[in-house]
Amino acid sequence: MTKTQVLDSLTLRQLQLECARASAVLPYSKIANLSSKTHYSSVAYYKMVIQIYVNTYGDLPSKVGPGASVTLLYEDEENA
């Protein structure tokens, strides 16, 4: 599966969780201007942040790199 297919297969909640992990560890300078580039679409923003993380570390934030050690308050996908 390609990186794009992986991102497209994630649910909205999974995108939110992966983006939260990525945002916690990526430098602000890498994500500062993404809102205007994604035309303020939250799903497009989540995917772009995750894509930056994947390009940097090689896989989803929950699987590799510093994002894997991030603890989220509401990690439960079902009851968030």
N, C-alpha and C. Protein backbone atom coordinates (compact mmCIF):
# COMPACT_ATOMS: atom_id res chain seq x y z
N MET A 1 0.84 -1.18 0.00
CA MET A 1 0.00 0.00 0.00
C MET A 1 0.89 1.25 0.00
N THR A 2 0.56 2.23 -0.81
CA THR A 2 1.34 3.45 -0.87
C THR A 2 1.01 4.34 0.33
N LYS A 3 1.83 5.35 0.54
CA LYS A 3 1.60 6.27 1.66
C LYS A 3 0.26 6.97 1.52
N THR A 4 -0.10 7.34 0.30
CA THR A 4 -1.38 8.01 0.07
C THR A 4 -2.54 7.07 0.38
N GLN A 5 -2.42 5.82 -0.02
CA GLN A 5 -3.47 4.85 0.27
C GLN A 5 -3.61 4.62 1.76
N VAL A 6 -2.48 4.60 2.47
CA VAL A 6 -2.53 4.42 3.92
C VAL A 6 -3.28 5.59 4.54
N LEU A 7 -2.96 6.82 4.15
CA LEU A 7 -3.63 7.99 4.70
C LEU A 7 -5.12 7.97 4.36
N ASP A 8 -5.45 7.59 3.13
CA ASP A 8 -6.85 7.56 2.71
C ASP A 8 -7.64 6.47 3.43
N SER A 9 -6.96 5.44 3.94
CA SER A 9 -7.66 4.35 4.61
C SER A 9 -7.94 4.64 6.09
N LEU A 10 -7.32 5.69 6.63
CA LEU A 10 -7.51 6.03 8.04
C LEU A 10 -8.86 6.70 8.26
N THR A 11 -9.49 6.40 9.39
CA THR A 11 -10.73 7.09 9.75
C THR A 11 -10.39 8.52 10.19
N LEU A 12 -11.41 9.34 10.31
CA LEU A 12 -11.19 10.71 10.77
C LEU A 12 -10.52 10.72 12.13
N ARG A 13 -10.98 9.87 13.04
CA ARG A 13 -10.39 9.83 14.39
C ARG A 13 -8.93 9.38 14.33
N GLN A 14 -8.62 8.40 13.50
CA GLN A 14 -7.23 7.96 13.36
C GLN A 14 -6.35 9.08 12.79
N LEU A 15 -6.89 9.84 11.83
CA LEU A 15 -6.14 10.98 11.30
C LEU A 15 -5.87 12.00 12.40
N GLN A 16 -6.87 12.26 13.23
CA GLN A 16 -6.71 13.22 14.32
C GLN A 16 -5.63 12.76 15.30
N LEU A 17 -5.64 11.49 15.65
CA LEU A 17 -4.66 10.96 16.60
C LEU A 17 -3.25 10.98 16.02
N GLU A 18 -3.11 10.57 14.77
CA GLU A 18 -1.79 10.57 14.14
C GLU A 18 -1.27 11.99 13.98
N CYS A 19 -2.16 12.91 13.61
CA CYS A 19 -1.76 14.31 13.46
C CYS A 19 -1.35 14.91 14.81
N ALA A 20 -2.05 14.55 15.87
CA ALA A 20 -1.71 15.05 17.20
C ALA A 20 -0.31 14.59 17.60
N ARG A 21 -0.01 13.32 17.35
CA ARG A 21 1.33 12.80 17.66
C ARG A 21 2.40 13.52 16.84
N ALA A 22 2.13 13.68 15.55
CA ALA A 22 3.10 14.34 14.67
C ALA A 22 3.30 15.80 15.08
N SER A 23 2.22 16.49 15.36
CA SER A 23 2.29 17.90 15.74
C SER A 23 3.07 18.11 17.04
N ALA A 24 3.01 17.13 17.91
CA ALA A 24 3.70 17.23 19.20
C ALA A 24 5.22 17.21 19.04
N VAL A 25 5.71 16.62 17.96
CA VAL A 25 7.16 16.45 17.83
C VAL A 25 7.78 17.17 16.63
N LEU A 26 6.97 17.55 15.64
CA LEU A 26 7.53 18.26 14.50
C LEU A 26 7.85 19.71 14.86
N PRO A 27 8.91 20.25 14.28
CA PRO A 27 9.21 21.67 14.52
C PRO A 27 8.09 22.56 14.01
N TYR A 28 7.78 23.59 14.75
CA TYR A 28 6.71 24.52 14.38
C TYR A 28 6.93 25.07 12.98
N SER A 29 8.16 25.31 12.61
CA SER A 29 8.46 25.89 11.30
C SER A 29 7.99 25.00 10.14
N LYS A 30 7.89 23.69 10.37
CA LYS A 30 7.44 22.79 9.32
C LYS A 30 5.93 22.78 9.12
N ILE A 31 5.18 23.17 10.15
CA ILE A 31 3.72 23.09 10.05
C ILE A 31 3.02 24.44 10.20
N ALA A 32 3.76 25.50 10.37
CA ALA A 32 3.19 26.81 10.67
C ALA A 32 2.22 27.33 9.62
N ASN A 33 2.52 27.15 8.36
CA ASN A 33 1.70 27.76 7.31
C ASN A 33 0.80 26.77 6.58
N LEU A 34 0.59 25.61 7.15
CA LEU A 34 -0.20 24.59 6.45
C LEU A 34 -1.68 24.93 6.34
N SER A 35 -2.23 25.65 7.28
CA SER A 35 -3.66 25.96 7.24
C SER A 35 -4.05 26.68 5.97
N SER A 36 -3.25 27.65 5.56
CA SER A 36 -3.57 28.37 4.34
C SER A 36 -3.35 27.51 3.10
N LYS A 37 -2.38 26.59 3.16
CA LYS A 37 -2.12 25.70 2.02
C LYS A 37 -3.21 24.65 1.86
N THR A 38 -3.88 24.30 2.92
CA THR A 38 -4.93 23.29 2.86
C THR A 38 -6.31 23.93 2.78
N HIS A 39 -6.35 25.22 2.56
CA HIS A 39 -7.60 25.97 2.44
C HIS A 39 -8.51 25.73 3.64
N TYR A 40 -7.89 25.62 4.81
CA TYR A 40 -8.58 25.49 6.09
C TYR A 40 -9.46 24.24 6.17
N SER A 41 -9.10 23.21 5.41
CA SER A 41 -9.77 21.91 5.50
C SER A 41 -9.04 21.08 6.55
N SER A 42 -9.75 20.68 7.60
CA SER A 42 -9.08 19.95 8.67
C SER A 42 -8.53 18.61 8.20
N VAL A 43 -9.27 17.89 7.38
CA VAL A 43 -8.79 16.59 6.90
C VAL A 43 -7.53 16.76 6.05
N ALA A 44 -7.53 17.74 5.18
CA ALA A 44 -6.34 18.00 4.35
C ALA A 44 -5.16 18.40 5.24
N TYR A 45 -5.42 19.19 6.28
CA TYR A 45 -4.37 19.59 7.22
C TYR A 45 -3.79 18.38 7.93
N TYR A 46 -4.67 17.51 8.46
CA TYR A 46 -4.21 16.31 9.16
C TYR A 46 -3.31 15.48 8.25
N LYS A 47 -3.77 15.27 7.01
CA LYS A 47 -3.00 14.45 6.07
C LYS A 47 -1.65 15.08 5.73
N MET A 48 -1.62 16.39 5.59
CA MET A 48 -0.36 17.06 5.25
C MET A 48 0.64 16.97 6.40
N VAL A 49 0.18 17.16 7.63
CA VAL A 49 1.06 17.06 8.79
C VAL A 49 1.61 15.63 8.90
N ILE A 50 0.73 14.66 8.75
CA ILE A 50 1.16 13.26 8.82
C ILE A 50 2.15 12.95 7.70
N GLN A 51 1.90 13.48 6.50
CA GLN A 51 2.80 13.24 5.37
C GLN A 51 4.19 13.81 5.65
N ILE A 52 4.26 14.98 6.26
CA ILE A 52 5.56 15.57 6.63
C ILE A 52 6.27 14.64 7.61
N TYR A 53 5.53 14.13 8.57
CA TYR A 53 6.12 13.21 9.55
C TYR A 53 6.62 11.94 8.87
N VAL A 54 5.80 11.36 8.01
CA VAL A 54 6.18 10.12 7.31
C VAL A 54 7.41 10.36 6.43
N ASN A 55 7.48 11.50 5.77
CA ASN A 55 8.65 11.82 4.95
C ASN A 55 9.91 11.96 5.80
N THR A 56 9.75 12.41 7.03
CA THR A 56 10.88 12.60 7.93
C THR A 56 11.31 11.30 8.61
N TYR A 57 10.33 10.52 9.10
CA TYR A 57 10.64 9.35 9.93
C TYR A 57 10.33 7.99 9.28
N GLY A 58 9.60 7.98 8.16
CA GLY A 58 9.41 6.75 7.42
C GLY A 58 8.11 6.00 7.63
N ASP A 59 7.33 6.36 8.64
CA ASP A 59 6.06 5.67 8.88
C ASP A 59 5.18 6.56 9.75
N LEU A 60 4.01 6.06 10.09
CA LEU A 60 3.06 6.82 10.89
C LEU A 60 3.63 7.15 12.26
N PRO A 61 3.21 8.29 12.83
CA PRO A 61 3.72 8.69 14.15
C PRO A 61 3.47 7.67 15.26
N SER A 62 2.43 6.89 15.16
CA SER A 62 2.15 5.90 16.20
C SER A 62 3.07 4.69 16.09
N LYS A 63 3.82 4.59 14.99
CA LYS A 63 4.65 3.41 14.75
C LYS A 63 6.15 3.64 14.90
N VAL A 64 6.65 4.79 14.48
CA VAL A 64 8.10 5.02 14.49
C VAL A 64 8.43 6.45 14.95
N GLY A 65 9.68 6.63 15.32
CA GLY A 65 10.19 7.95 15.66
C GLY A 65 9.66 8.46 16.99
N PRO A 66 9.87 9.72 17.24
CA PRO A 66 9.47 10.30 18.53
C PRO A 66 7.96 10.33 18.75
N GLY A 67 7.17 10.29 17.69
CA GLY A 67 5.72 10.29 17.83
C GLY A 67 5.20 9.04 18.51
N ALA A 68 5.93 7.94 18.38
CA ALA A 68 5.50 6.68 18.97
C ALA A 68 5.51 6.73 20.50
N SER A 69 6.29 7.63 21.06
CA SER A 69 6.36 7.72 22.53
C SER A 69 5.45 8.81 23.10
N VAL A 70 4.72 9.50 22.26
CA VAL A 70 3.80 10.54 22.72
C VAL A 70 2.57 9.88 23.34
N THR A 71 2.21 10.33 24.54
CA THR A 71 1.01 9.83 25.21
C THR A 71 -0.09 10.88 25.05
N LEU A 72 -1.20 10.46 24.50
CA LEU A 72 -2.33 11.36 24.27
C LEU A 72 -3.36 11.17 25.38
N LEU A 73 -4.06 12.24 25.73
CA LEU A 73 -5.08 12.14 26.78
C LEU A 73 -6.24 11.26 26.36
N TYR A 74 -6.69 11.43 25.14
CA TYR A 74 -7.84 10.67 24.63
C TYR A 74 -7.39 9.82 23.45
N GLU A 75 -6.67 8.76 23.74
CA GLU A 75 -6.15 7.91 22.70
C GLU A 75 -7.18 6.90 22.20
N ASP A 76 -8.19 6.64 22.98
CA ASP A 76 -9.20 5.65 22.62
C ASP A 76 -9.97 6.13 21.40
N GLU A 77 -9.89 5.39 20.31
CA GLU A 77 -10.55 5.79 19.06
C GLU A 77 -12.06 5.69 19.17
N GLU A 78 -12.57 4.83 20.00
CA GLU A 78 -14.00 4.59 20.09
C GLU A 78 -14.73 5.62 20.96
N ASN A 79 -14.09 6.04 22.06
CA ASN A 79 -14.79 6.84 23.06
C ASN A 79 -14.28 8.27 23.17
N ALA A 80 -13.78 8.80 22.11
CA ALA A 80 -13.24 10.16 22.16
C ALA A 80 -14.32 11.18 21.95
